[in-house]
PDB file of N, CA and C in Angstrom:
ATOM      1  N   ASN A   1     -16.246  -0.120 -14.388  1.00  0.00           N
ATOM      2  CA  ASN A   1     -16.052   0.934 -13.436  1.00  0.00           C
ATOM      3  C   ASN A   1     -17.408   0.601 -12.775  1.00  0.00           C
ATOM      4  N   GLY A   2     -17.462   0.459 -11.348  1.00  0.00           N
ATOM      5  CA  GLY A   2     -18.720  -0.057 -10.727  1.00  0.00           C
ATOM      6  C   GLY A   2     -18.688   0.952  -9.467  1.00  0.00           C
ATOM      7  N   LEU A   3     -19.978   0.326  -8.654  1.00  0.00           N
ATOM      8  CA  LEU A   3     -20.144   1.238  -7.602  1.00  0.00           C
ATOM      9  C   LEU A   3     -19.934   0.250  -6.460  1.00  0.00           C
ATOM     10  N   ILE A   4     -19.262   1.086  -5.288  1.00  0.00           N
ATOM     11  CA  ILE A   4     -18.767   0.331  -4.165  1.00  0.00           C
ATOM     12  C   ILE A   4     -19.880   0.984  -2.997  1.00  0.00           C
ATOM     13  N   THR A   5     -20.352  -0.003  -2.617  1.00  0.00           N
ATOM     14  CA  THR A   5     -21.514   0.788  -1.298  1.00  0.00           C
ATOM     15  C   THR A   5     -20.874   0.164  -0.039  1.00  0.00           C
ATOM     16  N   VAL A   6     -21.003   1.066   0.817  1.00  0.00           N
ATOM     17  CA  VAL A   6     -20.457   0.828   2.557  1.00  0.00           C
ATOM     18  C   VAL A   6     -21.532   0.867   3.506  1.00  0.00           C
ATOM     19  N   ASN A   7     -21.238   0.232   4.600  1.00  0.00           N
ATOM     20  CA  ASN A   7     -22.217   0.220   5.484  1.00  0.00           C
ATOM     21  C   ASN A   7     -21.454   1.457   6.730  1.00  0.00           C
ATOM     22  N   GLU A   8     -22.122   1.478   7.765  1.00  0.00           N
ATOM     23  CA  GLU A   8     -21.420   2.685   8.770  1.00  0.00           C
ATOM     24  C   GLU A   8     -20.253   2.378   8.965  1.00  0.00           C
ATOM     25  N   VAL A   9     -19.573   1.105   9.193  1.00  0.00           N
ATOM     26  CA  VAL A   9     -18.320   0.827   9.380  1.00  0.00           C
ATOM     27  C   VAL A   9     -17.405   1.405   8.145  1.00  0.00           C
ATOM     28  N   GLY A  10     -17.768   1.084   7.126  1.00  0.00           N
ATOM     29  CA  GLY A  10     -17.121   1.262   6.105  1.00  0.00           C
ATOM     30  C   GLY A  10     -16.928   3.064   5.914  1.00  0.00           C
ATOM     31  N   VAL A  11     -17.909   3.531   6.331  1.00  0.00           N
ATOM     32  CA  VAL A  11     -17.971   5.321   6.538  1.00  0.00           C
ATOM     33  C   VAL A  11     -16.801   5.619   7.340  1.00  0.00           C
ATOM     34  N   THR A  12     -16.908   5.058   8.382  1.00  0.00           N
ATOM     35  CA  THR A  12     -15.736   5.377   9.453  1.00  0.00           C
ATOM     36  C   THR A  12     -14.356   4.930   8.989  1.00  0.00           C
ATOM     37  N   LEU A  13     -14.061   3.792   8.460  1.00  0.00           N
ATOM     38  CA  LEU A  13     -12.888   3.338   7.922  1.00  0.00           C
ATOM     39  C   LEU A  13     -12.761   4.331   6.773  1.00  0.00           C
ATOM     40  N   TRP A  14     -13.486   5.048   5.660  1.00  0.00           N
ATOM     41  CA  TRP A  14     -13.164   5.848   4.884  1.00  0.00           C
ATOM     42  C   TRP A  14     -12.791   7.054   5.035  1.00  0.00           C
ATOM     43  N   LYS A  15     -13.309   7.632   6.525  1.00  0.00           N
ATOM     44  CA  LYS A  15     -12.811   8.849   7.034  1.00  0.00           C
ATOM     45  C   LYS A  15     -11.498   9.018   7.710  1.00  0.00           C
ATOM     46  N   VAL A  16     -11.255   7.515   8.577  1.00  0.00           N
ATOM     47  CA  VAL A  16      -9.848   7.539   9.011  1.00  0.00           C
ATOM     48  C   VAL A  16      -8.922   7.294   7.744  1.00  0.00           C
ATOM     49  N   LEU A  17      -9.093   6.821   6.596  1.00  0.00           N
ATOM     50  CA  LEU A  17      -8.342   6.591   5.438  1.00  0.00           C
ATOM     51  C   LEU A  17      -8.132   8.201   4.755  1.00  0.00           C
ATOM     52  N   GLN A  18      -8.572   9.277   5.073  1.00  0.00           N
ATOM     53  CA  GLN A  18      -8.243  10.318   4.498  1.00  0.00           C
ATOM     54  C   GLN A  18      -6.714  10.839   4.929  1.00  0.00           C
ATOM     55  N   GLU A  19      -6.417  10.263   5.951  1.00  0.00           N
ATOM     56  CA  GLU A  19      -4.855  10.575   6.394  1.00  0.00           C
ATOM     57  C   GLU A  19      -4.173   9.049   6.162  1.00  0.00           C
ATOM     58  N   GLU A  20      -2.670   9.430   6.142  1.00  0.00           N
ATOM     59  CA  GLU A  20      -2.127   8.080   6.078  1.00  0.00           C
ATOM     60  C   GLU A  20      -2.087   7.438   7.174  1.00  0.00           C
ATOM     61  N   VAL A  21      -2.551   5.990   7.429  1.00  0.00           N
ATOM     62  CA  VAL A  21      -2.924   5.439   8.486  1.00  0.00           C
ATOM     63  C   VAL A  21      -2.140   4.188   8.240  1.00  0.00           C
ATOM     64  N   THR A  22      -1.961   3.240   9.533  1.00  0.00           N
ATOM     65  CA  THR A  22      -1.427   2.092   9.564  1.00  0.00           C
ATOM     66  C   THR A  22      -2.741   1.201   9.686  1.00  0.00           C
ATOM     67  N   MET A  23      -2.833  -0.347   9.478  1.00  0.00           N
ATOM     68  CA  MET A  23      -3.697  -1.229   9.915  1.00  0.00           C
ATOM     69  C   MET A  23      -4.089  -1.043  11.200  1.00  0.00           C
ATOM     70  N   GLU A  24      -2.960  -0.964  12.482  1.00  0.00           N
ATOM     71  CA  GLU A  24      -3.464  -1.041  13.701  1.00  0.00           C
ATOM     72  C   GLU A  24      -4.261   0.337  14.031  1.00  0.00           C
ATOM     73  N   GLN A  25      -4.050   1.476  13.358  1.00  0.00           N
ATOM     74  CA  GLN A  25      -4.849   2.461  13.717  1.00  0.00           C
ATOM     75  C   GLN A  25      -6.494   2.337  12.883  1.00  0.00           C
ATOM     76  N   LEU A  26      -6.409   1.603  11.896  1.00  0.00           N
ATOM     77  CA  LEU A  26      -7.775   1.371  11.557  1.00  0.00           C
ATOM     78  C   LEU A  26      -8.498   0.405  12.389  1.00  0.00           C
ATOM     79  N   VAL A  27      -7.818  -0.699  12.786  1.00  0.00           N
ATOM     80  CA  VAL A  27      -8.501  -1.566  13.881  1.00  0.00           C
ATOM     81  C   VAL A  27      -8.645  -0.782  14.867  1.00  0.00           C
ATOM     82  N   LYS A  28      -8.031  -0.127  15.587  1.00  0.00           N
ATOM     83  CA  LYS A  28      -8.300   0.883  16.702  1.00  0.00           C
ATOM     84  C   LYS A  28      -9.444   1.588  16.665  1.00  0.00           C
ATOM     85  N   SER A  29      -9.748   2.375  15.582  1.00  0.00           N
ATOM     86  CA  SER A  29     -10.747   3.012  15.406  1.00  0.00           C
ATOM     87  C   SER A  29     -12.253   2.520  15.496  1.00  0.00           C
ATOM     88  N   VAL A  30     -11.917   1.157  14.725  1.00  0.00           N
ATOM     89  CA  VAL A  30     -13.348   0.456  14.655  1.00  0.00           C
ATOM     90  C   VAL A  30     -13.602  -0.116  16.178  1.00  0.00           C
ATOM     91  N   LEU A  31     -12.380  -0.551  16.568  1.00  0.00           N
ATOM     92  CA  LEU A  31     -12.595  -1.261  18.079  1.00  0.00           C
ATOM     93  C   LEU A  31     -13.122  -0.059  19.133  1.00  0.00           C
ATOM     94  N   ASP A  32     -12.736   0.991  18.803  1.00  0.00           N
ATOM     95  CA  ASP A  32     -12.978   2.324  19.530  1.00  0.00           C
ATOM     96  C   ASP A  32     -14.664   2.734  19.445  1.00  0.00           C
ATOM     97  N   GLU A  33     -15.090   2.411  18.426  1.00  0.00           N
ATOM     98  CA  GLU A  33     -16.325   2.996  17.847  1.00  0.00           C
ATOM     99  C   GLU A  33     -17.396   1.534  17.942  1.00  0.00           C
ATOM    100  N   TYR A  34     -17.122   0.505  17.921  1.00  0.00           N
ATOM    101  CA  TYR A  34     -17.934  -0.513  17.807  1.00  0.00           C
ATOM    102  C   TYR A  34     -17.864  -1.583  18.444  1.00  0.00           C
ATOM    103  N   ASP A  35     -18.670  -2.307  18.956  1.00  0.00           N
ATOM    104  CA  ASP A  35     -18.677  -3.586  19.917  1.00  0.00           C
ATOM    105  C   ASP A  35     -18.531  -4.693  18.986  1.00  0.00           C
ATOM    106  N   VAL A  36     -17.292  -5.099  18.596  1.00  0.00           N
ATOM    107  CA  VAL A  36     -16.851  -6.365  17.665  1.00  0.00           C
ATOM    108  C   VAL A  36     -15.374  -6.791  18.120  1.00  0.00           C
ATOM    109  N   GLU A  37     -15.285  -8.015  17.868  1.00  0.00           N
ATOM    110  CA  GLU A  37     -14.173  -8.828  18.272  1.00  0.00           C
ATOM    111  C   GLU A  37     -12.751  -8.186  17.489  1.00  0.00           C
ATOM    112  N   GLU A  38     -11.855  -8.485  17.606  1.00  0.00           N
ATOM    113  CA  GLU A  38     -10.697  -7.698  17.140  1.00  0.00           C
ATOM    114  C   GLU A  38     -10.453  -8.558  16.063  1.00  0.00           C
ATOM    115  N   ALA A  39     -10.650  -9.905  15.953  1.00  0.00           N
ATOM    116  CA  ALA A  39     -10.341 -10.481  14.855  1.00  0.00           C
ATOM    117  C   ALA A  39     -11.127 -10.496  13.516  1.00  0.00           C
ATOM    118  N   VAL A  40     -12.547 -10.308  14.017  1.00  0.00           N
ATOM    119  CA  VAL A  40     -13.563 -10.027  13.168  1.00  0.00           C
ATOM    120  C   VAL A  40     -13.459  -8.697  12.616  1.00  0.00           C
ATOM    121  N   ALA A  41     -12.953  -7.538  13.200  1.00  0.00           N
ATOM    122  CA  ALA A  41     -12.651  -6.046  12.684  1.00  0.00           C
ATOM    123  C   ALA A  41     -11.712  -6.163  11.719  1.00  0.00           C
ATOM    124  N   ARG A  42     -10.341  -6.958  12.085  1.00  0.00           N
ATOM    125  CA  ARG A  42      -9.196  -7.270  11.406  1.00  0.00           C
ATOM    126  C   ARG A  42      -9.610  -7.872   9.619  1.00  0.00           C
ATOM    127  N   GLU A  43     -10.517  -8.704   9.964  1.00  0.00           N
ATOM    128  CA  GLU A  43     -10.682  -9.583   8.794  1.00  0.00           C
ATOM    129  C   GLU A  43     -12.033  -8.525   8.036  1.00  0.00           C
ATOM    130  N   ASP A  44     -12.759  -8.179   8.608  1.00  0.00           N
ATOM    131  CA  ASP A  44     -13.549  -6.980   7.714  1.00  0.00           C
ATOM    132  C   ASP A  44     -12.955  -5.896   7.130  1.00  0.00           C
ATOM    133  N   ILE A  45     -12.006  -5.345   8.019  1.00  0.00           N
ATOM    134  CA  ILE A  45     -11.016  -4.282   7.297  1.00  0.00           C
ATOM    135  C   ILE A  45     -10.484  -4.527   6.150  1.00  0.00           C
ATOM    136  N   GLN A  46      -9.579  -5.813   6.233  1.00  0.00           N
ATOM    137  CA  GLN A  46      -8.844  -6.098   5.281  1.00  0.00           C
ATOM    138  C   GLN A  46      -9.843  -6.387   4.084  1.00  0.00           C
ATOM    139  N   GLU A  47     -10.699  -7.093   4.239  1.00  0.00           N
ATOM    140  CA  GLU A  47     -11.647  -7.135   2.905  1.00  0.00           C
ATOM    141  C   GLU A  47     -12.353  -5.941   2.180  1.00  0.00           C
ATOM    142  N   PHE A  48     -12.642  -4.950   3.068  1.00  0.00           N
ATOM    143  CA  PHE A  48     -12.943  -3.504   2.741  1.00  0.00           C
ATOM    144  C   PHE A  48     -11.788  -2.939   1.969  1.00  0.00           C
ATOM    145  N   LEU A  49     -10.442  -2.928   2.437  1.00  0.00           N
ATOM    146  CA  LEU A  49      -9.238  -2.339   1.606  1.00  0.00           C
ATOM    147  C   LEU A  49      -9.137  -3.160   0.470  1.00  0.00           C
ATOM    148  N   ASN A  50      -9.274  -4.447   0.456  1.00  0.00           N
ATOM    149  CA  ASN A  50      -9.111  -5.281  -0.780  1.00  0.00           C
ATOM    150  C   ASN A  50     -10.182  -4.525  -1.756  1.00  0.00           C
ATOM    151  N   LYS A  51     -11.284  -4.430  -1.217  1.00  0.00           N
ATOM    152  CA  LYS A  51     -12.170  -3.802  -2.326  1.00  0.00           C
ATOM    153  C   LYS A  51     -11.811  -2.591  -3.203  1.00  0.00           C
ATOM    154  N   LEU A  52     -11.301  -1.818  -2.095  1.00  0.00           N
ATOM    155  CA  LEU A  52     -10.976  -0.217  -2.434  1.00  0.00           C
ATOM    156  C   LEU A  52      -9.614  -0.521  -3.572  1.00  0.00           C
ATOM    157  N   VAL A  53      -8.606  -1.363  -3.116  1.00  0.00           N
ATOM    158  CA  VAL A  53      -7.667  -1.270  -4.139  1.00  0.00           C
ATOM    159  C   VAL A  53      -7.940  -2.175  -5.499  1.00  0.00           C
ATOM    160  N   GLU A  54      -8.942  -3.060  -5.354  1.00  0.00           N
ATOM    161  CA  GLU A  54      -9.326  -3.543  -6.443  1.00  0.00           C
ATOM    162  C   GLU A  54     -10.062  -2.878  -7.756  1.00  0.00           C
ATOM    163  N   GLY A  55     -11.041  -1.683  -6.774  1.00  0.00           N
ATOM    164  CA  GLY A  55     -11.460  -0.794  -7.616  1.00  0.00           C
ATOM    165  C   GLY A  55     -10.656   0.350  -8.175  1.00  0.00           C
ATOM    166  N   GLY A  56      -9.391   0.258  -7.718  1.00  0.00           N
ATOM    167  CA  GLY A  56      -8.739   1.250  -8.145  1.00  0.00           C
ATOM    168  C   GLY A  56      -8.904   2.730  -7.359  1.00  0.00           C
ATOM    169  N   ILE A  57      -9.655   2.520  -6.001  1.00  0.00           N
ATOM    170  CA  ILE A  57      -9.611   3.970  -5.386  1.00  0.00           C
ATOM    171  C   ILE A  57      -8.630   4.014  -4.305  1.00  0.00           C
ATOM    172  N   LEU A  58      -7.733   3.139  -3.662  1.00  0.00           N
ATOM    173  CA  LEU A  58      -6.768   2.965  -2.919  1.00  0.00           C
ATOM    174  C   LEU A  58      -5.512   2.286  -3.391  1.00  0.00           C
ATOM    175  N   THR A  59      -4.444   2.700  -3.241  1.00  0.00           N
ATOM    176  CA  THR A  59      -3.086   1.783  -3.469  1.00  0.00           C
ATOM    177  C   THR A  59      -2.773   1.173  -2.326  1.00  0.00           C
ATOM    178  N   LYS A  60      -1.892   0.409  -2.655  1.00  0.00           N
ATOM    179  CA  LYS A  60      -1.135  -0.575  -1.588  1.00  0.00           C
ATOM    180  C   LYS A  60      -0.010   0.364  -1.056  1.00  0.00           C
ATOM    181  N   ASP A  61       0.500   0.286  -0.003  1.00  0.00           N
ATOM    182  CA  ASP A  61       1.596   0.655   0.376  1.00  0.00           C
ATOM    183  C   ASP A  61       2.806   0.500  -0.376  1.00  0.00           C
ATOM    184  N   GLY A  62       3.474   1.746  -0.881  1.00  0.00           N
ATOM    185  CA  GLY A  62       4.637   1.632  -1.702  1.00  0.00           C
ATOM    186  C   GLY A  62       4.300   1.731  -2.993  1.00  0.00           C
ATOM    187  N   GLU A  63       2.705   2.052  -3.344  1.00  0.00           N
ATOM    188  CA  GLU A  63       2.482   2.029  -5.007  1.00  0.00           C
ATOM    189  C   GLU A  63       2.102   3.216  -5.215  1.00  0.00           C
ATOM    190  N   ASN A  64       2.513   4.237  -6.293  1.00  0.00           N
ATOM    191  CA  ASN A  64       2.166   5.449  -6.486  1.00  0.00           C
ATOM    192  C   ASN A  64       0.570   5.503  -6.611  1.00  0.00           C
ATOM    193  N   ALA A  65      -0.030   6.809  -5.856  1.00  0.00           N
ATOM    194  CA  ALA A  65      -1.142   6.912  -5.690  1.00  0.00           C
ATOM    195  C   ALA A  65      -1.487   7.420  -7.523  1.00  0.00           C
ATOM    196  N   LYS A  66      -2.921   7.273  -7.806  1.00  0.00           N
ATOM    197  CA  LYS A  66      -3.511   7.378  -9.095  1.00  0.00           C
ATOM    198  C   LYS A  66      -4.324   8.979  -8.910  1.00  0.00           C
TER     199      LYS A  66
END
């Protein structure tokens, strides 16, 4: 078990993830809050989500929550 550290964008994503959301909603929340290109936002969000899944903190759509 490890520690996952997040930056300001990660905190924003974590807050949005408290509800069931789509990737599009995550991207919109980041684009509304930060000055970043959509492609960069998508890539960074996917990387963040992958780390949460790998750490057992988040489950992929269709998997049972732990």
